N, C-alpha and C. Protein backbone atom coordinates (compact mmCIF):
# COMPACT_ATOMS: atom_id res chain seq x y z
N MET A 1 102.52 77.06 110.44
CA MET A 1 102.23 77.75 109.09
C MET A 1 103.67 78.46 108.85
N PRO A 2 103.89 77.93 107.50
CA PRO A 2 105.22 78.36 106.89
C PRO A 2 104.80 79.79 106.61
N ALA A 3 105.84 80.86 106.59
CA ALA A 3 105.85 82.24 106.23
C ALA A 3 105.85 82.44 104.74
N ASP A 4 106.25 81.51 104.03
CA ASP A 4 106.13 81.64 102.60
C ASP A 4 105.54 80.48 101.95
N PRO A 5 104.48 80.88 100.96
CA PRO A 5 103.60 79.84 100.32
C PRO A 5 104.53 79.12 99.39
N PRO A 6 104.26 77.72 99.02
CA PRO A 6 104.85 77.01 97.94
C PRO A 6 104.78 78.00 96.65
N ALA A 7 105.94 77.78 95.77
CA ALA A 7 105.81 78.58 94.62
C ALA A 7 104.44 78.37 93.63
N ASP A 8 104.09 77.25 93.74
CA ASP A 8 102.94 76.72 93.04
C ASP A 8 101.54 76.69 93.80
N CYS A 9 101.52 77.68 94.73
CA CYS A 9 100.43 77.91 95.62
C CYS A 9 99.09 77.88 94.75
N ARG A 10 98.04 77.05 95.13
CA ARG A 10 96.89 77.04 94.48
C ARG A 10 95.58 77.53 95.29
N ILE A 11 95.82 78.23 96.40
CA ILE A 11 94.65 78.71 97.33
C ILE A 11 93.82 79.64 96.61
N CYS A 12 94.22 80.38 95.55
CA CYS A 12 93.37 81.26 94.94
C CYS A 12 92.99 80.94 93.40
N PRO A 13 92.06 80.29 93.04
CA PRO A 13 91.75 79.81 91.74
C PRO A 13 92.15 80.98 90.73
N ARG A 14 91.63 82.23 90.86
CA ARG A 14 91.73 83.29 89.92
C ARG A 14 93.19 83.56 89.85
N LEU A 15 94.01 83.70 90.84
CA LEU A 15 95.52 84.10 90.76
C LEU A 15 96.14 82.81 90.22
N SER A 16 95.84 81.59 90.35
CA SER A 16 96.72 80.45 89.89
C SER A 16 96.37 80.37 88.41
N SER A 17 95.23 80.75 87.84
CA SER A 17 94.86 80.53 86.50
C SER A 17 95.53 81.85 85.84
N PHE A 18 95.64 82.90 86.48
CA PHE A 18 96.33 84.08 85.68
C PHE A 18 97.88 83.73 85.60
N ARG A 19 98.31 83.20 86.79
CA ARG A 19 99.80 82.89 86.70
C ARG A 19 100.12 81.98 85.85
N ASP A 20 99.27 80.88 85.39
CA ASP A 20 99.53 79.90 84.43
C ASP A 20 99.44 80.43 83.01
N GLU A 21 98.54 81.38 82.83
CA GLU A 21 98.48 82.17 81.54
C GLU A 21 99.63 83.01 81.22
N THR A 22 100.19 83.58 82.35
CA THR A 22 101.50 84.29 82.19
C THR A 22 102.62 83.54 81.95
N ALA A 23 102.69 82.29 82.65
CA ALA A 23 103.70 81.31 82.53
C ALA A 23 103.77 80.85 80.94
N ALA A 24 102.69 80.71 80.31
CA ALA A 24 102.48 80.26 78.93
C ALA A 24 102.96 81.32 78.09
N ARG A 25 102.90 82.52 78.56
CA ARG A 25 103.52 83.46 77.55
C ARG A 25 104.93 83.87 77.82
N HIS A 26 105.26 83.59 79.12
CA HIS A 26 106.81 83.86 79.48
C HIS A 26 107.22 82.64 80.21
N PRO A 27 107.51 81.86 79.75
CA PRO A 27 107.93 80.56 80.45
C PRO A 27 109.50 80.68 81.21
N ASP A 28 110.20 81.68 80.86
CA ASP A 28 111.35 81.90 81.41
C ASP A 28 111.34 82.68 82.62
N TRP A 29 110.07 83.32 82.88
CA TRP A 29 109.86 84.11 84.36
C TRP A 29 109.69 83.10 85.40
N TYR A 30 109.74 83.70 86.65
CA TYR A 30 109.41 82.87 87.70
C TYR A 30 108.05 82.56 87.96
N ASN A 31 107.02 83.30 87.88
CA ASN A 31 105.62 83.05 87.58
C ASN A 31 105.17 82.13 88.61
N GLY A 32 105.31 82.55 89.89
CA GLY A 32 104.94 81.80 91.23
C GLY A 32 104.68 82.70 92.22
N ALA A 33 104.23 82.09 93.38
CA ALA A 33 103.93 82.82 94.67
C ALA A 33 105.37 83.30 95.18
N VAL A 34 105.61 84.62 95.27
CA VAL A 34 106.95 85.21 95.36
C VAL A 34 107.21 85.17 96.89
N PRO A 35 108.39 84.42 97.30
CA PRO A 35 108.82 84.55 98.63
C PRO A 35 109.42 85.67 99.11
N ASP A 36 109.33 85.92 100.51
CA ASP A 36 110.14 87.22 101.14
C ASP A 36 111.25 87.28 100.95
N THR A 37 112.05 88.31 100.99
CA THR A 37 113.49 88.39 101.13
C THR A 37 113.96 89.59 102.02
N GLY A 38 115.24 89.21 102.53
CA GLY A 38 115.74 90.08 103.49
C GLY A 38 116.36 89.49 104.78
N ASP A 39 116.49 90.16 105.76
CA ASP A 39 117.23 89.90 106.98
C ASP A 39 116.32 89.16 107.95
N PRO A 40 116.51 87.94 108.22
CA PRO A 40 115.75 87.02 109.26
C PRO A 40 115.70 87.71 110.55
N ASP A 41 116.58 88.52 110.90
CA ASP A 41 116.76 89.25 112.30
C ASP A 41 116.13 90.75 112.26
N ALA A 42 115.22 90.96 111.08
CA ALA A 42 114.60 92.26 110.81
C ALA A 42 114.07 92.84 112.13
N ARG A 43 114.11 94.21 112.23
CA ARG A 43 113.42 95.15 112.92
C ARG A 43 112.47 95.92 112.18
N LEU A 44 112.50 95.83 110.98
CA LEU A 44 111.40 96.34 110.14
C LEU A 44 110.99 95.44 109.10
N LEU A 45 109.53 95.37 108.93
CA LEU A 45 109.12 94.51 107.86
C LEU A 45 108.29 95.42 107.01
N ILE A 46 108.54 95.40 105.70
CA ILE A 46 107.99 96.24 104.68
C ILE A 46 106.96 95.40 103.84
N VAL A 47 105.61 95.88 104.00
CA VAL A 47 104.56 95.18 103.17
C VAL A 47 103.97 96.01 102.07
N GLY A 48 104.33 95.41 100.88
CA GLY A 48 103.59 95.76 99.60
C GLY A 48 102.42 95.36 99.40
N LEU A 49 101.89 95.64 98.07
CA LEU A 49 100.81 94.99 97.65
C LEU A 49 100.69 93.68 97.12
N ALA A 50 101.50 93.51 96.01
CA ALA A 50 101.58 92.16 95.39
C ALA A 50 102.75 92.37 94.31
N PRO A 51 103.15 91.12 93.94
CA PRO A 51 104.25 91.20 92.80
C PRO A 51 103.80 92.02 91.47
N GLY A 52 104.74 92.71 90.90
CA GLY A 52 104.32 93.43 89.70
C GLY A 52 104.60 92.14 88.50
N LEU A 53 103.96 92.53 87.35
CA LEU A 53 104.06 91.72 86.21
C LEU A 53 105.57 91.44 85.73
N ARG A 54 106.24 92.60 85.53
CA ARG A 54 107.59 92.52 85.13
C ARG A 54 108.71 92.59 86.34
N GLY A 55 107.99 92.77 87.58
CA GLY A 55 108.85 93.03 88.71
C GLY A 55 109.02 91.62 89.31
N GLY A 56 108.43 91.50 90.59
CA GLY A 56 108.59 90.25 91.26
C GLY A 56 108.10 89.02 90.61
N ASN A 57 107.10 89.18 89.84
CA ASN A 57 106.54 87.82 89.23
C ASN A 57 107.59 87.37 88.05
N ARG A 58 108.41 88.28 87.63
CA ARG A 58 109.30 87.89 86.64
C ARG A 58 110.71 87.39 87.23
N THR A 59 111.22 88.24 88.31
CA THR A 59 112.45 87.70 88.99
C THR A 59 112.33 87.01 90.12
N GLY A 60 111.11 86.78 90.75
CA GLY A 60 110.90 85.99 92.07
C GLY A 60 111.39 86.65 93.13
N ILE A 61 111.64 87.98 93.14
CA ILE A 61 112.09 88.69 94.31
C ILE A 61 111.22 89.91 94.59
N PRO A 62 110.66 89.93 95.76
CA PRO A 62 109.60 91.28 95.85
C PRO A 62 110.69 92.43 95.36
N PHE A 63 109.77 93.30 94.72
CA PHE A 63 110.26 94.75 94.31
C PHE A 63 111.40 94.86 93.39
N THR A 64 111.75 93.70 93.01
CA THR A 64 113.10 93.77 92.03
C THR A 64 112.60 93.82 90.58
N GLY A 65 113.30 94.62 89.75
CA GLY A 65 113.06 94.59 88.31
C GLY A 65 111.87 95.70 87.84
N ASP A 66 111.43 96.42 88.74
CA ASP A 66 110.61 97.43 88.38
C ASP A 66 110.73 98.75 89.06
N ALA A 67 109.96 99.65 88.55
CA ALA A 67 110.12 101.19 89.09
C ALA A 67 109.86 101.29 90.68
N SER A 68 109.01 100.59 91.14
CA SER A 68 108.52 100.63 92.53
C SER A 68 109.76 100.30 93.30
N GLY A 69 110.42 99.11 93.00
CA GLY A 69 111.52 98.67 93.67
C GLY A 69 112.72 99.54 93.52
N ASP A 70 113.00 100.23 92.31
CA ASP A 70 113.90 101.19 92.27
C ASP A 70 113.86 102.27 93.27
N ALA A 71 112.74 102.94 93.48
CA ALA A 71 112.36 103.84 94.50
C ALA A 71 112.48 103.23 95.95
N LEU A 72 112.13 102.17 96.21
CA LEU A 72 112.19 101.53 97.50
C LEU A 72 113.71 101.50 97.88
N PHE A 73 114.31 100.68 97.06
CA PHE A 73 115.80 100.36 97.33
C PHE A 73 116.65 101.58 97.43
N GLU A 74 116.43 102.61 96.64
CA GLU A 74 117.15 103.91 96.81
C GLU A 74 116.97 104.54 98.12
N ALA A 75 115.63 104.49 98.46
CA ALA A 75 115.40 105.10 99.88
C ALA A 75 115.88 104.38 101.08
N LEU A 76 115.98 103.02 100.98
CA LEU A 76 116.53 102.26 101.99
C LEU A 76 118.06 102.32 101.94
N HIS A 77 118.78 102.44 100.64
CA HIS A 77 120.10 102.63 100.70
C HIS A 77 120.48 103.97 101.13
N ARG A 78 119.69 105.05 101.14
CA ARG A 78 120.09 106.31 101.61
C ARG A 78 120.39 106.37 103.24
N VAL A 79 119.54 105.52 103.76
CA VAL A 79 119.61 105.46 105.32
C VAL A 79 120.48 104.11 105.86
N GLY A 80 121.02 103.44 104.83
CA GLY A 80 121.73 102.26 105.21
C GLY A 80 121.14 101.01 105.46
N LEU A 81 119.85 100.67 105.05
CA LEU A 81 119.11 99.62 105.19
C LEU A 81 119.38 98.76 104.03
N ALA A 82 119.99 99.17 102.84
CA ALA A 82 120.05 98.18 101.80
C ALA A 82 121.38 98.58 100.97
N VAL A 83 122.24 97.48 100.56
CA VAL A 83 123.20 97.62 99.87
C VAL A 83 122.95 97.37 98.32
N PRO A 84 123.03 98.20 97.31
CA PRO A 84 122.47 97.94 96.02
C PRO A 84 122.99 96.58 95.65
N ALA A 85 122.31 95.89 94.67
CA ALA A 85 122.65 94.72 94.00
C ALA A 85 123.41 94.95 92.78
N ALA A 86 124.10 93.96 92.42
CA ALA A 86 125.02 94.14 91.16
C ALA A 86 124.10 94.45 89.87
N THR A 87 122.97 93.88 89.80
CA THR A 87 122.02 94.02 88.60
C THR A 87 120.66 94.25 89.04
N ALA A 88 119.77 94.82 88.20
CA ALA A 88 118.64 95.29 88.59
C ALA A 88 117.57 94.22 88.92
N ASP A 89 118.01 92.96 88.52
CA ASP A 89 117.12 91.92 88.61
C ASP A 89 117.47 91.00 89.86
N ALA A 90 118.59 91.52 90.61
CA ALA A 90 118.94 90.75 91.73
C ALA A 90 118.61 91.57 93.16
N ALA A 91 118.33 90.68 94.05
CA ALA A 91 118.03 91.33 95.47
C ALA A 91 119.05 92.29 95.96
N PRO A 92 118.87 93.37 96.48
CA PRO A 92 119.94 93.98 97.16
C PRO A 92 120.15 93.29 98.57
N ARG A 93 121.07 93.66 99.33
CA ARG A 93 121.40 93.04 100.61
C ARG A 93 120.88 94.08 101.59
N LEU A 94 119.81 93.53 102.35
CA LEU A 94 119.08 94.28 103.37
C LEU A 94 119.52 94.15 104.76
N HIS A 95 119.63 95.29 105.32
CA HIS A 95 120.22 95.15 106.68
C HIS A 95 119.03 95.50 107.72
N SER A 96 118.62 94.86 108.64
CA SER A 96 117.59 94.94 109.65
C SER A 96 116.13 95.09 109.01
N CYS A 97 116.12 94.71 107.54
CA CYS A 97 114.62 94.80 107.21
C CYS A 97 114.58 93.50 106.31
N LEU A 98 113.03 93.27 106.17
CA LEU A 98 112.66 92.16 105.32
C LEU A 98 111.41 92.52 104.57
N ILE A 99 111.33 92.30 103.34
CA ILE A 99 110.11 92.71 102.32
C ILE A 99 109.20 91.62 102.15
N THR A 100 107.94 91.83 102.07
CA THR A 100 107.01 90.87 101.72
C THR A 100 105.80 91.55 101.07
N ASN A 101 104.92 90.97 100.70
CA ASN A 101 103.65 91.53 99.99
C ASN A 101 102.40 90.85 100.57
N ALA A 102 101.36 91.78 100.52
CA ALA A 102 100.07 91.29 101.11
C ALA A 102 99.38 90.28 100.40
N VAL A 103 99.73 90.10 99.06
CA VAL A 103 99.28 89.17 98.34
C VAL A 103 100.62 88.63 97.48
N ARG A 104 100.79 87.28 97.47
CA ARG A 104 102.23 86.86 97.06
C ARG A 104 102.11 86.48 95.55
N CYS A 105 101.12 86.33 94.90
CA CYS A 105 101.05 86.17 93.43
C CYS A 105 100.51 87.26 92.75
N LEU A 106 100.89 87.29 91.55
CA LEU A 106 100.52 88.43 90.61
C LEU A 106 98.93 88.52 90.45
N PRO A 107 98.24 89.47 90.64
CA PRO A 107 96.84 89.71 90.43
C PRO A 107 96.60 90.26 89.01
N PRO A 108 95.56 89.92 88.43
CA PRO A 108 95.21 90.66 87.05
C PRO A 108 94.93 92.04 87.31
N GLY A 109 95.64 92.79 86.51
CA GLY A 109 95.43 94.43 86.72
C GLY A 109 95.95 94.87 87.90
N ASN A 110 96.94 94.25 88.64
CA ASN A 110 97.56 94.55 89.90
C ASN A 110 96.39 94.85 90.94
N ARG A 111 95.31 94.29 90.79
CA ARG A 111 94.32 94.34 91.70
C ARG A 111 93.78 93.08 92.35
N PRO A 112 94.24 92.66 93.45
CA PRO A 112 93.75 91.39 94.26
C PRO A 112 92.32 91.86 94.69
N SER A 113 91.54 90.56 94.82
CA SER A 113 90.23 90.80 95.40
C SER A 113 90.31 90.70 97.07
N ALA A 114 89.21 91.20 97.72
CA ALA A 114 89.35 90.91 99.02
C ALA A 114 89.59 89.65 99.44
N GLY A 115 88.85 88.70 98.88
CA GLY A 115 88.97 87.26 99.22
C GLY A 115 90.41 86.81 99.09
N GLU A 116 91.23 87.24 98.00
CA GLU A 116 92.44 86.91 97.89
C GLU A 116 93.45 87.44 98.85
N VAL A 117 93.06 88.75 99.31
CA VAL A 117 93.90 89.36 100.36
C VAL A 117 93.81 88.55 101.60
N THR A 118 92.39 88.19 102.02
CA THR A 118 92.14 87.34 103.11
C THR A 118 92.87 86.15 103.06
N ALA A 119 92.95 85.25 102.10
CA ALA A 119 93.39 84.18 101.84
C ALA A 119 94.89 84.16 102.10
N CYS A 120 95.56 85.10 101.59
CA CYS A 120 97.00 85.11 101.70
C CYS A 120 97.42 85.71 103.02
N ARG A 121 96.49 86.39 103.84
CA ARG A 121 96.93 86.87 105.13
C ARG A 121 97.77 85.86 106.12
N ARG A 122 97.28 84.60 105.90
CA ARG A 122 97.99 83.61 106.75
C ARG A 122 99.37 83.58 106.67
N PHE A 123 99.93 83.85 105.51
CA PHE A 123 101.51 83.98 105.36
C PHE A 123 102.02 85.25 106.05
N LEU A 124 101.22 86.30 105.87
CA LEU A 124 101.67 87.62 106.52
C LEU A 124 101.62 87.39 107.99
N SER A 125 100.76 86.84 108.58
CA SER A 125 100.70 86.65 109.96
C SER A 125 101.90 85.76 110.42
N ALA A 126 102.04 84.68 109.61
CA ALA A 126 103.04 83.79 109.98
C ALA A 126 104.46 84.57 109.90
N ARG A 127 104.68 85.41 108.85
CA ARG A 127 105.96 86.13 108.65
C ARG A 127 106.06 87.14 109.89
N ILE A 128 105.10 87.84 110.39
CA ILE A 128 105.18 88.82 111.55
C ILE A 128 105.45 87.89 112.68
N ALA A 129 105.01 86.71 112.90
CA ALA A 129 105.41 85.76 113.99
C ALA A 129 106.76 85.43 114.09
N SER A 130 107.23 85.27 112.80
CA SER A 130 108.77 84.63 112.58
C SER A 130 109.94 85.64 113.01
N LEU A 131 109.42 86.93 113.32
CA LEU A 131 110.59 87.93 113.38
C LEU A 131 110.51 88.28 114.79
N PRO A 132 111.51 87.84 115.67
CA PRO A 132 111.49 88.13 116.92
C PRO A 132 111.95 89.44 117.44
N ASN A 133 112.66 90.15 116.61
CA ASN A 133 113.14 91.49 116.78
C ASN A 133 112.39 92.46 116.14
N LEU A 134 111.21 92.19 115.67
CA LEU A 134 110.38 93.24 114.74
C LEU A 134 109.85 94.38 115.75
N ARG A 135 110.17 95.56 115.23
CA ARG A 135 109.70 96.87 116.06
C ARG A 135 108.84 97.56 115.02
N ALA A 136 108.82 97.46 113.81
CA ALA A 136 107.93 98.41 112.94
C ALA A 136 107.58 97.71 111.80
N ILE A 137 106.42 98.11 111.17
CA ILE A 137 105.92 97.56 109.88
C ILE A 137 105.58 98.74 109.05
N LEU A 138 106.26 98.77 107.92
CA LEU A 138 106.04 99.89 106.83
C LEU A 138 104.83 99.29 105.75
N CYS A 139 103.77 99.87 105.81
CA CYS A 139 102.65 99.44 105.04
C CYS A 139 102.54 100.27 103.82
N LEU A 140 102.71 99.86 102.79
CA LEU A 140 102.76 100.74 101.36
C LEU A 140 101.37 100.55 100.77
N GLY A 141 100.61 101.37 101.12
CA GLY A 141 99.26 101.70 100.52
C GLY A 141 98.12 101.05 101.45
N ARG A 142 96.83 101.32 101.20
CA ARG A 142 95.90 100.95 102.07
C ARG A 142 95.59 99.50 102.17
N ILE A 143 95.58 98.79 100.96
CA ILE A 143 95.48 97.30 101.13
C ILE A 143 96.46 96.75 101.95
N ALA A 144 97.65 96.94 101.98
CA ALA A 144 98.72 96.55 102.78
C ALA A 144 98.36 96.91 104.12
N HIS A 145 98.14 97.98 104.34
CA HIS A 145 97.75 98.54 105.75
C HIS A 145 96.66 97.99 106.49
N ASP A 146 95.62 97.65 105.69
CA ASP A 146 94.46 96.90 106.08
C ASP A 146 94.70 95.59 106.68
N SER A 147 95.27 94.76 105.61
CA SER A 147 95.57 93.49 106.04
C SER A 147 96.53 93.22 107.07
N THR A 148 97.58 94.26 107.24
CA THR A 148 98.54 94.19 108.27
C THR A 148 97.76 94.49 109.61
N CYS A 149 96.84 95.43 109.63
CA CYS A 149 96.15 95.70 110.75
C CYS A 149 95.44 94.43 111.29
N ARG A 150 94.78 93.74 110.30
CA ARG A 150 93.87 92.64 110.68
C ARG A 150 94.90 91.43 111.18
N ALA A 151 95.96 91.41 110.37
CA ALA A 151 97.00 90.36 111.12
C ALA A 151 97.43 90.37 112.47
N LEU A 152 97.40 91.78 112.87
CA LEU A 152 97.83 92.13 114.30
C LEU A 152 96.46 92.23 115.19
N GLY A 153 95.36 91.91 114.68
CA GLY A 153 94.25 91.89 115.46
C GLY A 153 93.76 93.51 115.69
N LEU A 154 94.05 94.27 114.84
CA LEU A 154 93.59 95.60 114.81
C LEU A 154 92.38 95.84 113.97
N SER A 155 91.61 96.89 114.24
CA SER A 155 90.42 97.18 113.35
C SER A 155 90.92 98.25 112.26
N PRO A 156 91.05 97.98 110.90
CA PRO A 156 91.40 99.16 110.14
C PRO A 156 90.38 100.50 110.20
N ALA A 157 89.31 100.11 110.37
CA ALA A 157 88.21 101.30 110.93
C ALA A 157 88.78 102.22 111.86
N GLY A 158 89.42 101.52 112.97
CA GLY A 158 89.99 102.25 114.19
C GLY A 158 91.38 102.93 113.90
N HIS A 159 91.95 102.37 112.80
CA HIS A 159 93.30 102.66 112.61
C HIS A 159 93.57 102.91 111.12
N ARG A 160 92.92 104.07 110.58
CA ARG A 160 92.90 104.50 109.39
C ARG A 160 94.22 104.70 108.63
N PHE A 161 94.29 104.29 107.47
CA PHE A 161 95.35 104.51 106.68
C PHE A 161 95.59 105.87 106.38
N ALA A 162 96.80 106.73 106.50
CA ALA A 162 96.92 107.91 105.79
C ALA A 162 98.61 108.06 105.78
N HIS A 163 98.95 108.55 104.69
CA HIS A 163 100.40 108.85 104.34
C HIS A 163 101.01 109.35 105.58
N GLY A 164 102.14 108.94 106.18
CA GLY A 164 102.80 109.41 107.25
C GLY A 164 102.37 109.26 108.65
N ALA A 165 101.18 108.30 108.58
CA ALA A 165 100.53 108.07 110.04
C ALA A 165 101.37 106.99 110.63
N ARG A 166 101.12 106.99 111.86
CA ARG A 166 101.63 105.66 112.83
C ARG A 166 100.59 105.24 113.60
N HIS A 167 100.69 103.95 113.87
CA HIS A 167 99.64 103.17 114.69
C HIS A 167 100.29 102.17 115.53
N HIS A 168 99.93 101.91 116.71
CA HIS A 168 100.65 101.09 117.57
C HIS A 168 99.90 99.88 117.98
N ALA A 169 100.55 98.93 117.90
CA ALA A 169 99.99 97.57 118.04
C ALA A 169 100.95 96.78 119.23
N GLY A 170 100.75 97.08 120.44
CA GLY A 170 101.73 96.47 121.39
C GLY A 170 103.11 97.04 121.12
N SER A 171 104.06 96.07 121.00
CA SER A 171 105.45 96.52 120.92
C SER A 171 105.80 96.75 119.52
N ILE A 172 104.77 96.66 118.43
CA ILE A 172 105.10 97.03 117.17
C ILE A 172 104.41 98.31 116.56
N THR A 173 105.00 98.97 115.83
CA THR A 173 104.27 100.34 115.36
C THR A 173 104.29 100.26 113.79
N LEU A 174 102.99 100.60 113.34
CA LEU A 174 102.88 100.68 112.03
C LEU A 174 103.04 101.96 111.35
N PHE A 175 103.72 102.12 110.28
CA PHE A 175 104.13 103.30 109.74
C PHE A 175 103.35 103.20 108.24
N ASP A 176 102.60 104.21 107.80
CA ASP A 176 101.84 104.22 106.45
C ASP A 176 102.67 105.13 105.51
N SER A 177 102.69 104.55 104.29
CA SER A 177 103.07 105.43 103.16
C SER A 177 102.26 105.02 101.92
N TYR A 178 102.11 106.13 101.11
CA TYR A 178 101.67 105.76 99.73
C TYR A 178 102.55 104.78 99.15
N HIS A 179 102.08 103.91 98.32
CA HIS A 179 102.80 102.93 97.53
C HIS A 179 103.78 103.70 96.75
N CYS A 180 105.06 103.22 96.60
CA CYS A 180 106.11 103.83 95.80
C CYS A 180 105.91 103.38 94.42
N SER A 181 104.80 103.22 93.90
CA SER A 181 104.58 102.83 92.49
C SER A 181 104.98 103.94 91.38
N ARG A 182 105.13 103.44 90.20
CA ARG A 182 105.42 104.31 89.17
C ARG A 182 104.32 105.36 89.01
N TYR A 183 103.09 104.92 89.10
CA TYR A 183 101.82 105.88 88.90
C TYR A 183 101.99 106.77 90.01
N ASN A 184 102.15 106.50 91.26
CA ASN A 184 102.09 107.51 92.48
C ASN A 184 103.33 108.33 92.26
N MET A 185 104.37 107.95 91.89
CA MET A 185 105.62 108.87 91.61
C MET A 185 105.21 109.82 90.47
N ASN A 186 104.94 109.31 89.36
CA ASN A 186 104.75 110.05 88.09
C ASN A 186 103.77 111.20 88.36
N THR A 187 102.71 110.85 89.11
CA THR A 187 101.58 111.77 89.37
C THR A 187 101.95 112.76 90.39
N GLY A 188 102.99 112.49 91.20
CA GLY A 188 103.27 113.50 92.41
C GLY A 188 102.50 113.12 93.60
N ARG A 189 101.62 112.19 93.59
CA ARG A 189 100.94 111.96 94.78
C ARG A 189 102.00 111.49 95.71
N LEU A 190 102.95 110.82 95.59
CA LEU A 190 104.17 110.55 96.45
C LEU A 190 105.38 111.05 95.74
N THR A 191 106.14 111.96 96.28
CA THR A 191 107.36 112.53 95.80
C THR A 191 108.51 111.82 96.59
N PRO A 192 109.68 111.92 95.93
CA PRO A 192 110.83 111.28 96.53
C PRO A 192 110.97 111.77 98.07
N ALA A 193 110.89 112.96 98.04
CA ALA A 193 111.15 113.61 99.43
C ALA A 193 110.13 113.07 100.41
N MET A 194 108.75 113.04 100.02
CA MET A 194 107.81 112.46 100.94
C MET A 194 108.12 111.06 101.44
N PHE A 195 108.56 110.11 100.37
CA PHE A 195 108.87 108.78 100.76
C PHE A 195 110.14 108.69 101.58
N GLN A 196 111.20 109.45 101.17
CA GLN A 196 112.40 109.56 102.09
C GLN A 196 112.15 109.90 103.45
N ALA A 197 111.20 110.64 103.67
CA ALA A 197 110.97 111.28 105.02
C ALA A 197 110.48 110.10 105.78
N VAL A 198 109.45 109.33 105.26
CA VAL A 198 108.89 108.09 105.80
C VAL A 198 110.05 107.08 106.30
N ILE A 199 110.93 106.88 105.28
CA ILE A 199 111.98 105.86 105.57
C ILE A 199 113.03 106.34 106.61
N ALA A 200 113.23 107.56 106.51
CA ALA A 200 114.23 108.15 107.57
C ALA A 200 113.44 108.18 108.92
N GLY A 201 112.27 108.33 109.01
CA GLY A 201 111.60 108.14 110.25
C GLY A 201 111.69 106.86 110.85
N LEU A 202 111.45 105.73 110.02
CA LEU A 202 111.49 104.43 110.26
C LEU A 202 112.98 103.98 110.83
N HIS A 203 114.00 104.44 110.11
CA HIS A 203 115.33 104.18 110.38
C HIS A 203 115.59 104.75 111.83
N ALA A 204 115.20 105.85 112.34
CA ALA A 204 115.45 106.40 113.41
C ALA A 204 114.69 105.77 114.50
N TYR A 205 113.38 105.11 114.16
CA TYR A 205 112.62 104.44 115.24
C TYR A 205 113.13 103.06 115.56
N ILE A 206 113.60 102.39 114.59
CA ILE A 206 114.09 101.08 114.85
C ILE A 206 115.64 100.89 115.49
N GLY A 207 116.06 102.12 115.07
CA GLY A 207 117.73 102.14 116.02
C GLY A 207 118.55 101.31 115.16
N ALA A 208 118.29 101.31 113.64
CA ALA A 208 119.43 100.50 113.00
C ALA A 208 120.70 101.24 113.02
N ASP A 209 121.70 100.31 112.95
CA ASP A 209 123.19 101.06 112.79
C ASP A 209 123.44 101.43 111.45
C-alpha cells in the first residue's frame, strides 16, 4: 500500500465530486489528494485534519498557503524543525519531521465524514509504517487523534484526546494539541504559547538536533 494516494483518488465519491467542482472554479489550483511533505527519516509525524480550500488544496502541499500553516511552521522553526520557505506557497525544509493529514482531499465545509476518515486511514497506516525512525506523532485535533489511534491499534475511548495529553503505543508516543486553525487561534482556544509548549515538548522528546 502506498503512503500517498494518487492525485486523482476516487475512493470517496463525495470528496471526488467536491474536488471536481472546486477544480472547475479554480483550474489553476492543485485540486487533488494532497501528498505528504517532509523528511523521510522523520522521528516526528504531524497529522492534521484535511487540506484547506486555499491552503493545501490550492498549493498541493500540506499546511502551506493558509493561517494554520503559518502557525505550524513558525512553531517548528522556533525549535529548529523547519527552515522557512522563500514564499508562502512553498514547502519549508523540514528536519526530522513529516506532515500528513487524516483525510487527503478537501472536504466540504472542512468536515470529512466518518466514512471518509476511515477510507483514508489506509494511507495514514502506510505512512506510519514507512517511517523506520518514528518516535512521536503529533495529532492536531480530535479527528486526527482518533484516526491515528485506530491506525496504531489503539482504542480512542481508552486514549481520549485532550490538549497536551500524551499516549503510548509501543515505541511511539502520541502528543495531542488543538488544531492550529485560524478559528482556534482567533478565539483563544489555542494560544501561540500553548502551541509552542507542545512543539517544544515534542522537540525535546524526539531528541532532534
